[in-house]
């Protein structure tokens, strides 16, 4: 979850896993996966930075918990992550979530991850 500010100054917390697009036109507009649009005062690059920081923190916490329990095997974690990326791209492709013209990119990513 990331904290953002609506144009009226109201602070809100957004589940960044639900963000489909972040656009700047001229205000920053988030489009969520179910179609809802939210306009925020933070610039586009700040939203992306907050999402990256949240996900980095999340992954650090997961790795820390796994390493404490002795259940971490980085080779298998990396292989699993590549498989999840390929599966996510495939699901997005078949669900129609990818914008027009991006099918080729998704297929290239899937082929690259399979190698």
PDB file of N, CA and C in Angstrom:
ATOM      1  N   UNK A   1       0.842  -1.169   0.000  1.00  0.00           N
ATOM      2  CA  UNK A   1       0.000   0.000   0.000  1.00  0.00           C
ATOM      3  C   UNK A   1       0.898   1.247   0.000  1.00  0.00           C
ATOM      4  N   UNK A   2       0.508   2.209  -0.821  1.00  0.00           N
ATOM      5  CA  UNK A   2       1.279   3.459  -0.884  1.00  0.00           C
ATOM      6  C   UNK A   2       0.368   4.634  -0.552  1.00  0.00           C
ATOM      7  N   UNK A   3       0.956   5.647   0.057  1.00  0.00           N
ATOM      8  CA  UNK A   3       0.211   6.841   0.428  1.00  0.00           C
ATOM      9  C   UNK A   3       0.330   7.880  -0.686  1.00  0.00           C
ATOM     10  N   UNK A   4      -0.818   8.390  -1.129  1.00  0.00           N
ATOM     11  CA  UNK A   4      -0.876   9.414  -2.173  1.00  0.00           C
ATOM     12  C   UNK A   4      -1.841  10.502  -1.752  1.00  0.00           C
ATOM     13  N   UNK A   5      -1.826  11.614  -2.476  1.00  0.00           N
ATOM     14  CA  UNK A   5      -2.651  12.759  -2.132  1.00  0.00           C
ATOM     15  C   UNK A   5      -3.575  13.118  -3.295  1.00  0.00           C
ATOM     16  N   UNK A   6      -4.866  13.201  -3.000  1.00  0.00           N
ATOM     17  CA  UNK A   6      -5.814  13.659  -4.020  1.00  0.00           C
ATOM     18  C   UNK A   6      -5.568  15.138  -4.287  1.00  0.00           C
ATOM     19  N   UNK A   7      -6.123  15.652  -5.386  1.00  0.00           N
ATOM     20  CA  UNK A   7      -5.916  17.060  -5.735  1.00  0.00           C
ATOM     21  C   UNK A   7      -6.473  18.009  -4.675  1.00  0.00           C
ATOM     22  N   UNK A   8      -7.487  17.567  -3.918  1.00  0.00           N
ATOM     23  CA  UNK A   8      -8.063  18.420  -2.877  1.00  0.00           C
ATOM     24  C   UNK A   8      -7.261  18.397  -1.581  1.00  0.00           C
ATOM     25  N   UNK A   9      -6.123  17.659  -1.571  1.00  0.00           N
ATOM     26  CA  UNK A   9      -5.254  17.602  -0.396  1.00  0.00           C
ATOM     27  C   UNK A   9      -5.538  16.434   0.523  1.00  0.00           C
ATOM     28  N   UNK A  10      -6.574  15.660   0.250  1.00  0.00           N
ATOM     29  CA  UNK A  10      -6.920  14.513   1.075  1.00  0.00           C
ATOM     30  C   UNK A  10      -5.916  13.381   0.842  1.00  0.00           C
ATOM     31  N   UNK A  11      -5.327  12.894   1.933  1.00  0.00           N
ATOM     32  CA  UNK A  11      -4.357  11.796   1.847  1.00  0.00           C
ATOM     33  C   UNK A  11      -5.131  10.477   1.790  1.00  0.00           C
ATOM     34  N   UNK A  12      -4.671   9.571   0.945  1.00  0.00           N
ATOM     35  CA  UNK A  12      -5.301   8.257   0.844  1.00  0.00           C
ATOM     36  C   UNK A  12      -4.215   7.205   0.688  1.00  0.00           C
ATOM     37  N   UNK A  13      -4.581   5.968   0.926  1.00  0.00           N
ATOM     38  CA  UNK A  13      -3.667   4.845   0.778  1.00  0.00           C
ATOM     39  C   UNK A  13      -4.238   3.958  -0.327  1.00  0.00           C
ATOM     40  N   UNK A  14      -3.379   3.626  -1.305  1.00  0.00           N
ATOM     41  CA  UNK A  14      -3.807   2.851  -2.469  1.00  0.00           C
ATOM     42  C   UNK A  14      -3.079   1.518  -2.480  1.00  0.00           C
ATOM     43  N   UNK A  15      -3.808   0.463  -2.789  1.00  0.00           N
ATOM     44  CA  UNK A  15      -3.195  -0.847  -2.979  1.00  0.00           C
ATOM     45  C   UNK A  15      -2.510  -0.815  -4.342  1.00  0.00           C
ATOM     46  N   UNK A  16      -1.182  -0.750  -4.342  1.00  0.00           N
ATOM     47  CA  UNK A  16      -0.457  -0.574  -5.602  1.00  0.00           C
ATOM     48  C   UNK A  16      -0.539  -1.801  -6.499  1.00  0.00           C
ATOM     49  N   UNK A  17      -0.971  -2.947  -5.964  1.00  0.00           N
ATOM     50  CA  UNK A  17      -1.150  -4.124  -6.804  1.00  0.00           C
ATOM     51  C   UNK A  17      -2.373  -3.986  -7.712  1.00  0.00           C
ATOM     52  N   UNK A  18      -3.230  -3.021  -7.427  1.00  0.00           N
ATOM     53  CA  UNK A  18      -4.425  -2.811  -8.242  1.00  0.00           C
ATOM     54  C   UNK A  18      -4.224  -1.757  -9.328  1.00  0.00           C
ATOM     55  N   UNK A  19      -3.044  -1.128  -9.359  1.00  0.00           N
ATOM     56  CA  UNK A  19      -2.790  -0.080 -10.353  1.00  0.00           C
ATOM     57  C   UNK A  19      -2.429  -0.726 -11.680  1.00  0.00           C
ATOM     58  N   UNK A  20      -3.173  -0.360 -12.714  1.00  0.00           N
ATOM     59  CA  UNK A  20      -2.918  -0.883 -14.054  1.00  0.00           C
ATOM     60  C   UNK A  20      -2.057   0.088 -14.847  1.00  0.00           C
ATOM     61  N   UNK A  21      -2.377   1.385 -14.784  1.00  0.00           N
ATOM     62  CA  UNK A  21      -1.635   2.425 -15.501  1.00  0.00           C
ATOM     63  C   UNK A  21      -1.433   3.629 -14.601  1.00  0.00           C
ATOM     64  N   UNK A  22      -0.334   4.336 -14.824  1.00  0.00           N
ATOM     65  CA  UNK A  22      -0.096   5.646 -14.225  1.00  0.00           C
ATOM     66  C   UNK A  22       0.205   6.579 -15.390  1.00  0.00           C
ATOM     67  N   UNK A  23      -0.631   7.611 -15.557  1.00  0.00           N
ATOM     68  CA  UNK A  23      -0.485   8.523 -16.688  1.00  0.00           C
ATOM     69  C   UNK A  23      -0.327   9.953 -16.188  1.00  0.00           C
ATOM     70  N   UNK A  24       0.354  10.744 -16.969  1.00  0.00           N
ATOM     71  CA  UNK A  24       0.512  12.158 -16.661  1.00  0.00           C
ATOM     72  C   UNK A  24      -0.072  12.946 -17.820  1.00  0.00           C
ATOM     73  N   UNK A  25      -1.224  13.635 -17.565  1.00  0.00           N
ATOM     74  CA  UNK A  25      -1.891  14.286 -18.696  1.00  0.00           C
ATOM     75  C   UNK A  25      -2.749  15.494 -18.321  1.00  0.00           C
ATOM     76  N   UNK A  26      -2.367  16.585 -17.848  1.00  0.00           N
ATOM     77  CA  UNK A  26      -1.129  16.949 -17.158  1.00  0.00           C
ATOM     78  C   UNK A  26      -1.122  16.473 -15.708  1.00  0.00           C
ATOM     79  N   UNK A  27      -2.316  16.225 -15.112  1.00  0.00           N
ATOM     80  CA  UNK A  27      -2.345  15.679 -13.752  1.00  0.00           C
ATOM     81  C   UNK A  27      -2.018  14.191 -13.810  1.00  0.00           C
ATOM     82  N   UNK A  28      -1.558  13.662 -12.692  1.00  0.00           N
ATOM     83  CA  UNK A  28      -1.240  12.238 -12.636  1.00  0.00           C
ATOM     84  C   UNK A  28      -2.524  11.467 -12.371  1.00  0.00           C
ATOM     85  N   UNK A  29      -2.830  10.538 -13.281  1.00  0.00           N
ATOM     86  CA  UNK A  29      -4.041   9.749 -13.155  1.00  0.00           C
ATOM     87  C   UNK A  29      -3.685   8.268 -13.058  1.00  0.00           C
ATOM     88  N   UNK A  30      -4.212   7.626 -12.011  1.00  0.00           N
ATOM     89  CA  UNK A  30      -4.051   6.188 -11.841  1.00  0.00           C
ATOM     90  C   UNK A  30      -5.287   5.512 -12.404  1.00  0.00           C
ATOM     91  N   UNK A  31      -5.088   4.472 -13.176  1.00  0.00           N
ATOM     92  CA  UNK A  31      -6.197   3.637 -13.621  1.00  0.00           C
ATOM     93  C   UNK A  31      -6.021   2.301 -12.940  1.00  0.00           C
ATOM     94  N   UNK A  32      -7.029   1.901 -12.167  1.00  0.00           N
ATOM     95  CA  UNK A  32      -6.960   0.637 -11.450  1.00  0.00           C
ATOM     96  C   UNK A  32      -7.440  -0.498 -12.351  1.00  0.00           C
ATOM     97  N   UNK A  33      -7.148  -1.720 -11.973  1.00  0.00           N
ATOM     98  CA  UNK A  33      -7.435  -2.857 -12.845  1.00  0.00           C
ATOM     99  C   UNK A  33      -8.928  -3.028 -13.116  1.00  0.00           C
ATOM    100  N   UNK A  34      -9.794  -2.524 -12.249  1.00  0.00           N
ATOM    101  CA  UNK A  34     -11.229  -2.648 -12.475  1.00  0.00           C
ATOM    102  C   UNK A  34     -11.820  -1.420 -13.174  1.00  0.00           C
ATOM    103  N   UNK A  35     -10.939  -0.493 -13.598  1.00  0.00           N
ATOM    104  CA  UNK A  35     -11.375   0.637 -14.400  1.00  0.00           C
ATOM    105  C   UNK A  35     -11.523   1.960 -13.656  1.00  0.00           C
ATOM    106  N   UNK A  36     -11.518   1.938 -12.330  1.00  0.00           N
ATOM    107  CA  UNK A  36     -11.638   3.183 -11.558  1.00  0.00           C
ATOM    108  C   UNK A  36     -10.425   4.061 -11.833  1.00  0.00           C
ATOM    109  N   UNK A  37     -10.664   5.365 -11.931  1.00  0.00           N
ATOM    110  CA  UNK A  37      -9.581   6.319 -12.159  1.00  0.00           C
ATOM    111  C   UNK A  37      -9.463   7.225 -10.942  1.00  0.00           C
ATOM    112  N   UNK A  38      -8.211   7.480 -10.547  1.00  0.00           N
ATOM    113  CA  UNK A  38      -7.933   8.346  -9.400  1.00  0.00           C
ATOM    114  C   UNK A  38      -6.905   9.372  -9.842  1.00  0.00           C
ATOM    115  N   UNK A  39      -7.179  10.648  -9.593  1.00  0.00           N
ATOM    116  CA  UNK A  39      -6.235  11.718  -9.918  1.00  0.00           C
ATOM    117  C   UNK A  39      -5.519  12.106  -8.632  1.00  0.00           C
ATOM    118  N   UNK A  40      -4.186  12.151  -8.690  1.00  0.00           N
ATOM    119  CA  UNK A  40      -3.380  12.460  -7.511  1.00  0.00           C
ATOM    120  C   UNK A  40      -2.447  13.629  -7.803  1.00  0.00           C
ATOM    121  N   UNK A  41      -1.962  14.260  -6.736  1.00  0.00           N
ATOM    122  CA  UNK A  41      -1.105  15.436  -6.911  1.00  0.00           C
ATOM    123  C   UNK A  41       0.365  15.080  -7.130  1.00  0.00           C
ATOM    124  N   UNK A  42       0.786  13.882  -6.733  1.00  0.00           N
ATOM    125  CA  UNK A  42       2.176  13.478  -6.922  1.00  0.00           C
ATOM    126  C   UNK A  42       2.458  13.288  -8.415  1.00  0.00           C
ATOM    127  N   UNK A  43       3.668  13.651  -8.864  1.00  0.00           N
ATOM    128  CA  UNK A  43       4.019  13.409 -10.265  1.00  0.00           C
ATOM    129  C   UNK A  43       4.158  11.908 -10.540  1.00  0.00           C
ATOM    130  N   UNK A  44       4.069  11.562 -11.792  1.00  0.00           N
ATOM    131  CA  UNK A  44       4.117  10.169 -12.243  1.00  0.00           C
ATOM    132  C   UNK A  44       5.354   9.438 -11.706  1.00  0.00           C
ATOM    133  N   UNK A  45       6.523  10.064 -11.821  1.00  0.00           N
ATOM    134  CA  UNK A  45       7.753   9.390 -11.383  1.00  0.00           C
ATOM    135  C   UNK A  45       7.770   9.161  -9.865  1.00  0.00           C
ATOM    136  N   UNK A  46       7.113  10.015  -9.095  1.00  0.00           N
ATOM    137  CA  UNK A  46       7.026   9.824  -7.647  1.00  0.00           C
ATOM    138  C   UNK A  46       6.132   8.633  -7.311  1.00  0.00           C
ATOM    139  N   UNK A  47       5.038   8.472  -8.046  1.00  0.00           N
ATOM    140  CA  UNK A  47       4.154   7.320  -7.831  1.00  0.00           C
ATOM    141  C   UNK A  47       4.922   6.025  -8.116  1.00  0.00           C
ATOM    142  N   UNK A  48       5.635   5.997  -9.231  1.00  0.00           N
ATOM    143  CA  UNK A  48       6.422   4.817  -9.588  1.00  0.00           C
ATOM    144  C   UNK A  48       7.493   4.555  -8.525  1.00  0.00           C
ATOM    145  N   UNK A  49       8.126   5.599  -8.038  1.00  0.00           N
ATOM    146  CA  UNK A  49       9.150   5.457  -7.002  1.00  0.00           C
ATOM    147  C   UNK A  49       8.560   4.871  -5.718  1.00  0.00           C
ATOM    148  N   UNK A  50       7.377   5.316  -5.342  1.00  0.00           N
ATOM    149  CA  UNK A  50       6.735   4.793  -4.130  1.00  0.00           C
ATOM    150  C   UNK A  50       6.336   3.324  -4.297  1.00  0.00           C
ATOM    151  N   UNK A  51       5.872   2.975  -5.488  1.00  0.00           N
ATOM    152  CA  UNK A  51       5.527   1.579  -5.748  1.00  0.00           C
ATOM    153  C   UNK A  51       6.775   0.712  -5.641  1.00  0.00           C
ATOM    154  N   UNK A  52       7.866   1.157  -6.253  1.00  0.00           N
ATOM    155  CA  UNK A  52       9.128   0.402  -6.205  1.00  0.00           C
ATOM    156  C   UNK A  52       9.631   0.266  -4.772  1.00  0.00           C
ATOM    157  N   UNK A  53       9.557   1.336  -4.001  1.00  0.00           N
ATOM    158  CA  UNK A  53      10.013   1.301  -2.610  1.00  0.00           C
ATOM    159  C   UNK A  53       9.164   0.329  -1.791  1.00  0.00           C
ATOM    160  N   UNK A  54       7.849   0.350  -2.010  1.00  0.00           N
ATOM    161  CA  UNK A  54       6.956  -0.567  -1.289  1.00  0.00           C
ATOM    162  C   UNK A  54       7.298  -2.015  -1.616  1.00  0.00           C
ATOM    163  N   UNK A  55       7.456  -2.302  -2.894  1.00  0.00           N
ATOM    164  CA  UNK A  55       7.730  -3.687  -3.303  1.00  0.00           C
ATOM    165  C   UNK A  55       9.104  -4.145  -2.833  1.00  0.00           C
ATOM    166  N   UNK A  56      10.077  -3.241  -2.841  1.00  0.00           N
ATOM    167  CA  UNK A  56      11.416  -3.579  -2.339  1.00  0.00           C
ATOM    168  C   UNK A  56      11.347  -3.929  -0.860  1.00  0.00           C
ATOM    169  N   UNK A  57      10.659  -3.112  -0.088  1.00  0.00           N
ATOM    170  CA  UNK A  57      10.506  -3.360   1.346  1.00  0.00           C
ATOM    171  C   UNK A  57       9.786  -4.672   1.590  1.00  0.00           C
ATOM    172  N   UNK A  58       8.741  -4.922   0.820  1.00  0.00           N
ATOM    173  CA  UNK A  58       7.980  -6.155   0.938  1.00  0.00           C
ATOM    174  C   UNK A  58       8.877  -7.378   0.691  1.00  0.00           C
ATOM    175  N   UNK A  59       9.644  -7.341  -0.397  1.00  0.00           N
ATOM    176  CA  UNK A  59      10.522  -8.469  -0.718  1.00  0.00           C
ATOM    177  C   UNK A  59      11.621  -8.659   0.321  1.00  0.00           C
ATOM    178  N   UNK A  60      12.181  -7.568   0.835  1.00  0.00           N
ATOM    179  CA  UNK A  60      13.201  -7.669   1.883  1.00  0.00           C
ATOM    180  C   UNK A  60      12.623  -8.370   3.105  1.00  0.00           C
ATOM    181  N   UNK A  61      11.398  -8.007   3.481  1.00  0.00           N
ATOM    182  CA  UNK A  61      10.759  -8.650   4.638  1.00  0.00           C
ATOM    183  C   UNK A  61      10.501 -10.134   4.393  1.00  0.00           C
ATOM    184  N   UNK A  62      10.071 -10.480   3.184  1.00  0.00           N
ATOM    185  CA  UNK A  62       9.833 -11.893   2.856  1.00  0.00           C
ATOM    186  C   UNK A  62      11.136 -12.673   2.929  1.00  0.00           C
ATOM    187  N   UNK A  63      12.196 -12.148   2.296  1.00  0.00           N
ATOM    188  CA  UNK A  63      13.487 -12.848   2.328  1.00  0.00           C
ATOM    189  C   UNK A  63      14.011 -12.971   3.753  1.00  0.00           C
ATOM    190  N   UNK A  64      13.828 -11.940   4.562  1.00  0.00           N
ATOM    191  CA  UNK A  64      14.301 -11.994   5.950  1.00  0.00           C
ATOM    192  C   UNK A  64      13.574 -13.079   6.725  1.00  0.00           C
ATOM    193  N   UNK A  65      12.268 -13.171   6.546  1.00  0.00           N
ATOM    194  CA  UNK A  65      11.505 -14.210   7.251  1.00  0.00           C
ATOM    195  C   UNK A  65      11.888 -15.603   6.769  1.00  0.00           C
ATOM    196  N   UNK A  66      12.070 -15.746   5.462  1.00  0.00           N
ATOM    197  CA  UNK A  66      12.454 -17.053   4.927  1.00  0.00           C
ATOM    198  C   UNK A  66      13.845 -17.462   5.384  1.00  0.00           C
ATOM    199  N   UNK A  67      14.768 -16.510   5.425  1.00  0.00           N
ATOM    200  CA  UNK A  67      16.129 -16.857   5.833  1.00  0.00           C
ATOM    201  C   UNK A  67      16.176 -17.200   7.320  1.00  0.00           C
ATOM    202  N   UNK A  68      15.353 -16.545   8.134  1.00  0.00           N
ATOM    203  CA  UNK A  68      15.304 -16.871   9.569  1.00  0.00           C
ATOM    204  C   UNK A  68      14.773 -18.279   9.786  1.00  0.00           C
ATOM    205  N   UNK A  69      13.842 -18.693   8.946  1.00  0.00           N
ATOM    206  CA  UNK A  69      13.258 -20.033   9.110  1.00  0.00           C
ATOM    207  C   UNK A  69      14.098 -21.104   8.434  1.00  0.00           C
ATOM    208  N   UNK A  70      15.144 -20.686   7.685  1.00  0.00           N
ATOM    209  CA  UNK A  70      16.004 -21.640   6.998  1.00  0.00           C
ATOM    210  C   UNK A  70      15.374 -22.207   5.740  1.00  0.00           C
ATOM    211  N   UNK A  71      14.294 -21.591   5.277  1.00  0.00           N
ATOM    212  CA  UNK A  71      13.561 -22.125   4.126  1.00  0.00           C
ATOM    213  C   UNK A  71      13.935 -21.455   2.818  1.00  0.00           C
ATOM    214  N   UNK A  72      14.979 -20.645   2.829  1.00  0.00           N
ATOM    215  CA  UNK A  72      15.282 -19.894   1.607  1.00  0.00           C
ATOM    216  C   UNK A  72      16.316 -20.628   0.766  1.00  0.00           C
ATOM    217  N   UNK A  73      16.045 -20.691  -0.499  1.00  0.00           N
ATOM    218  CA  UNK A  73      16.947 -21.255  -1.493  1.00  0.00           C
ATOM    219  C   UNK A  73      16.888 -20.291  -2.674  1.00  0.00           C
ATOM    220  N   UNK A  74      17.882 -19.403  -2.763  1.00  0.00           N
ATOM    221  CA  UNK A  74      17.814 -18.307  -3.734  1.00  0.00           C
ATOM    222  C   UNK A  74      17.697 -18.782  -5.177  1.00  0.00           C
ATOM    223  N   UNK A  75      18.274 -19.913  -5.512  1.00  0.00           N
ATOM    224  CA  UNK A  75      18.167 -20.422  -6.881  1.00  0.00           C
ATOM    225  C   UNK A  75      16.711 -20.736  -7.200  1.00  0.00           C
ATOM    226  N   UNK A  76      16.032 -21.405  -6.279  1.00  0.00           N
ATOM    227  CA  UNK A  76      14.624 -21.736  -6.501  1.00  0.00           C
ATOM    228  C   UNK A  76      13.736 -20.500  -6.455  1.00  0.00           C
ATOM    229  N   UNK A  77      14.081 -19.544  -5.610  1.00  0.00           N
ATOM    230  CA  UNK A  77      13.314 -18.296  -5.550  1.00  0.00           C
ATOM    231  C   UNK A  77      13.406 -17.564  -6.882  1.00  0.00           C
ATOM    232  N   UNK A  78      14.619 -17.467  -7.449  1.00  0.00           N
ATOM    233  CA  UNK A  78      14.808 -16.784  -8.730  1.00  0.00           C
ATOM    234  C   UNK A  78      14.069 -17.511  -9.843  1.00  0.00           C
ATOM    235  N   UNK A  79      14.141 -18.825  -9.867  1.00  0.00           N
ATOM    236  CA  UNK A  79      13.435 -19.599 -10.895  1.00  0.00           C
ATOM    237  C   UNK A  79      11.928 -19.431 -10.747  1.00  0.00           C
ATOM    238  N   UNK A  80      11.448 -19.424  -9.521  1.00  0.00           N
ATOM    239  CA  UNK A  80      10.010 -19.231  -9.289  1.00  0.00           C
ATOM    240  C   UNK A  80       9.551 -17.855  -9.716  1.00  0.00           C
ATOM    241  N   UNK A  81      10.370 -16.836  -9.472  1.00  0.00           N
ATOM    242  CA  UNK A  81      10.014 -15.473  -9.868  1.00  0.00           C
ATOM    243  C   UNK A  81       9.913 -15.359 -11.387  1.00  0.00           C
ATOM    244  N   UNK A  82      10.835 -15.989 -12.098  1.00  0.00           N
ATOM    245  CA  UNK A  82      10.787 -15.964 -13.562  1.00  0.00           C
ATOM    246  C   UNK A  82       9.527 -16.656 -14.058  1.00  0.00           C
ATOM    247  N   UNK A  83       9.161 -17.754 -13.432  1.00  0.00           N
ATOM    248  CA  UNK A  83       7.939 -18.466 -13.804  1.00  0.00           C
ATOM    249  C   UNK A  83       6.700 -17.644 -13.533  1.00  0.00           C
ATOM    250  N   UNK A  84       6.670 -16.930 -12.407  1.00  0.00           N
ATOM    251  CA  UNK A  84       5.526 -16.076 -12.087  1.00  0.00           C
ATOM    252  C   UNK A  84       5.384 -14.933 -13.079  1.00  0.00           C
ATOM    253  N   UNK A  85       6.527 -14.342 -13.488  1.00  0.00           N
ATOM    254  CA  UNK A  85       6.462 -13.258 -14.476  1.00  0.00           C
ATOM    255  C   UNK A  85       5.884 -13.761 -15.788  1.00  0.00           C
ATOM    256  N   UNK A  86       6.318 -14.933 -16.223  1.00  0.00           N
ATOM    257  CA  UNK A  86       5.817 -15.497 -17.474  1.00  0.00           C
ATOM    258  C   UNK A  86       4.330 -15.820 -17.352  1.00  0.00           C
ATOM    259  N   UNK A  87       3.936 -16.367 -16.195  1.00  0.00           N
ATOM    260  CA  UNK A  87       2.535 -16.711 -15.986  1.00  0.00           C
ATOM    261  C   UNK A  87       1.673 -15.451 -15.932  1.00  0.00           C
ATOM    262  N   UNK A  88       2.157 -14.394 -15.253  1.00  0.00           N
ATOM    263  CA  UNK A  88       1.412 -13.139 -15.171  1.00  0.00           C
ATOM    264  C   UNK A  88       1.233 -12.512 -16.535  1.00  0.00           C
ATOM    265  N   UNK A  89       2.293 -12.523 -17.342  1.00  0.00           N
ATOM    266  CA  UNK A  89       2.199 -11.961 -18.692  1.00  0.00           C
ATOM    267  C   UNK A  89       1.204 -12.753 -19.518  1.00  0.00           C
ATOM    268  N   UNK A  90       1.220 -14.066 -19.374  1.00  0.00           N
ATOM    269  CA  UNK A  90       0.299 -14.917 -20.122  1.00  0.00           C
ATOM    270  C   UNK A  90      -1.138 -14.652 -19.682  1.00  0.00           C
ATOM    271  N   UNK A  91      -1.372 -14.534 -18.370  1.00  0.00           N
ATOM    272  CA  UNK A  91      -2.714 -14.252 -17.868  1.00  0.00           C
ATOM    273  C   UNK A  91      -3.197 -12.887 -18.345  1.00  0.00           C
ATOM    274  N   UNK A  92      -2.335 -11.890 -18.311  1.00  0.00           N
ATOM    275  CA  UNK A  92      -2.713 -10.550 -18.767  1.00  0.00           C
ATOM    276  C   UNK A  92      -3.041 -10.561 -20.247  1.00  0.00           C
ATOM    277  N   UNK A  93      -2.282 -11.317 -21.012  1.00  0.00           N
ATOM    278  CA  UNK A  93      -2.504 -11.412 -22.446  1.00  0.00           C
ATOM    279  C   UNK A  93      -3.872 -12.012 -22.734  1.00  0.00           C
ATOM    280  N   UNK A  94      -4.208 -13.104 -22.036  1.00  0.00           N
ATOM    281  CA  UNK A  94      -5.464 -13.792 -22.302  1.00  0.00           C
ATOM    282  C   UNK A  94      -6.667 -13.112 -21.662  1.00  0.00           C
ATOM    283  N   UNK A  95      -6.460 -12.300 -20.647  1.00  0.00           N
ATOM    284  CA  UNK A  95      -7.582 -11.613 -20.007  1.00  0.00           C
ATOM    285  C   UNK A  95      -7.911 -10.298 -20.692  1.00  0.00           C
ATOM    286  N   UNK A  96      -7.067  -9.885 -21.641  1.00  0.00           N
ATOM    287  CA  UNK A  96      -7.302  -8.620 -22.332  1.00  0.00           C
ATOM    288  C   UNK A  96      -6.803  -7.417 -21.572  1.00  0.00           C
ATOM    289  N   UNK A  97      -5.996  -7.613 -20.515  1.00  0.00           N
ATOM    290  CA  UNK A  97      -5.490  -6.493 -19.721  1.00  0.00           C
ATOM    291  C   UNK A  97      -4.394  -5.721 -20.430  1.00  0.00           C
ATOM    292  N   UNK A  98      -3.704  -6.352 -21.369  1.00  0.00           N
ATOM    293  CA  UNK A  98      -2.612  -5.665 -22.047  1.00  0.00           C
ATOM    294  C   UNK A  98      -3.173  -4.703 -23.082  1.00  0.00           C
ATOM    295  N   UNK A  99      -2.612  -3.512 -23.185  1.00  0.00           N
ATOM    296  CA  UNK A  99      -3.082  -2.577 -24.199  1.00  0.00           C
ATOM    297  C   UNK A  99      -2.736  -3.072 -25.596  1.00  0.00           C
ATOM    298  N   UNK A 100      -3.438  -2.526 -26.585  1.00  0.00           N
ATOM    299  CA  UNK A 100      -3.197  -2.920 -27.974  1.00  0.00           C
ATOM    300  C   UNK A 100      -1.731  -2.758 -28.328  1.00  0.00           C
ATOM    301  N   UNK A 101      -1.206  -3.695 -29.100  1.00  0.00           N
ATOM    302  CA  UNK A 101       0.170  -3.603 -29.570  1.00  0.00           C
ATOM    303  C   UNK A 101       1.190  -4.178 -28.615  1.00  0.00           C
ATOM    304  N   UNK A 102       0.782  -4.633 -27.437  1.00  0.00           N
ATOM    305  CA  UNK A 102       1.759  -5.132 -26.481  1.00  0.00           C
ATOM    306  C   UNK A 102       1.805  -6.650 -26.422  1.00  0.00           C
ATOM    307  N   UNK A 103       0.987  -7.319 -27.225  1.00  0.00           N
ATOM    308  CA  UNK A 103       1.017  -8.782 -27.243  1.00  0.00           C
ATOM    309  C   UNK A 103       2.392  -9.293 -27.637  1.00  0.00           C
ATOM    310  N   UNK A 104       3.018  -8.668 -28.612  1.00  0.00           N
ATOM    311  CA  UNK A 104       4.346  -9.092 -29.059  1.00  0.00           C
ATOM    312  C   UNK A 104       5.362  -8.988 -27.942  1.00  0.00           C
ATOM    313  N   UNK A 105       5.309  -7.914 -27.172  1.00  0.00           N
ATOM    314  CA  UNK A 105       6.249  -7.737 -26.059  1.00  0.00           C
ATOM    315  C   UNK A 105       6.025  -8.801 -24.997  1.00  0.00           C
ATOM    316  N   UNK A 106       4.769  -9.118 -24.708  1.00  0.00           N
ATOM    317  CA  UNK A 106       4.476 -10.142 -23.709  1.00  0.00           C
ATOM    318  C   UNK A 106       4.974 -11.503 -24.182  1.00  0.00           C
ATOM    319  N   UNK A 107       4.796 -11.791 -25.454  1.00  0.00           N
ATOM    320  CA  UNK A 107       5.272 -13.064 -25.984  1.00  0.00           C
ATOM    321  C   UNK A 107       6.798 -13.143 -25.941  1.00  0.00           C
ATOM    322  N   UNK A 108       7.460 -12.033 -26.251  1.00  0.00           N
ATOM    323  CA  UNK A 108       8.921 -12.020 -26.180  1.00  0.00           C
ATOM    324  C   UNK A 108       9.401 -12.259 -24.754  1.00  0.00           C
ATOM    325  N   UNK A 109       8.747 -11.609 -23.778  1.00  0.00           N
ATOM    326  CA  UNK A 109       9.117 -11.815 -22.359  1.00  0.00           C
ATOM    327  C   UNK A 109       8.906 -13.270 -21.963  1.00  0.00           C
ATOM    328  N   UNK A 110       7.781 -13.852 -22.396  1.00  0.00           N
ATOM    329  CA  UNK A 110       7.476 -15.232 -22.041  1.00  0.00           C
ATOM    330  C   UNK A 110       8.535 -16.177 -22.630  1.00  0.00           C
ATOM    331  N   UNK A 111       8.924 -15.956 -23.908  1.00  0.00           N
ATOM    332  CA  UNK A 111       9.939 -16.797 -24.524  1.00  0.00           C
ATOM    333  C   UNK A 111      11.285 -16.642 -23.818  1.00  0.00           C
ATOM    334  N   UNK A 112      11.623 -15.398 -23.462  1.00  0.00           N
ATOM    335  CA  UNK A 112      12.889 -15.127 -22.783  1.00  0.00           C
ATOM    336  C   UNK A 112      12.919 -15.816 -21.418  1.00  0.00           C
ATOM    337  N   UNK A 113      11.787 -15.806 -20.704  1.00  0.00           N
ATOM    338  CA  UNK A 113      11.734 -16.425 -19.378  1.00  0.00           C
ATOM    339  C   UNK A 113      11.759 -17.941 -19.453  1.00  0.00           C
ATOM    340  N   UNK A 114      11.300 -18.505 -20.563  1.00  0.00           N
ATOM    341  CA  UNK A 114      11.295 -19.960 -20.719  1.00  0.00           C
ATOM    342  C   UNK A 114      12.691 -20.502 -20.981  1.00  0.00           C
ATOM    343  N   UNK A 115      13.605 -19.673 -21.449  1.00  0.00           N
ATOM    344  CA  UNK A 115      14.959 -20.135 -21.779  1.00  0.00           C
ATOM    345  C   UNK A 115      15.790 -20.361 -20.564  1.00  0.00           C
TER     346      UNK A 115
END
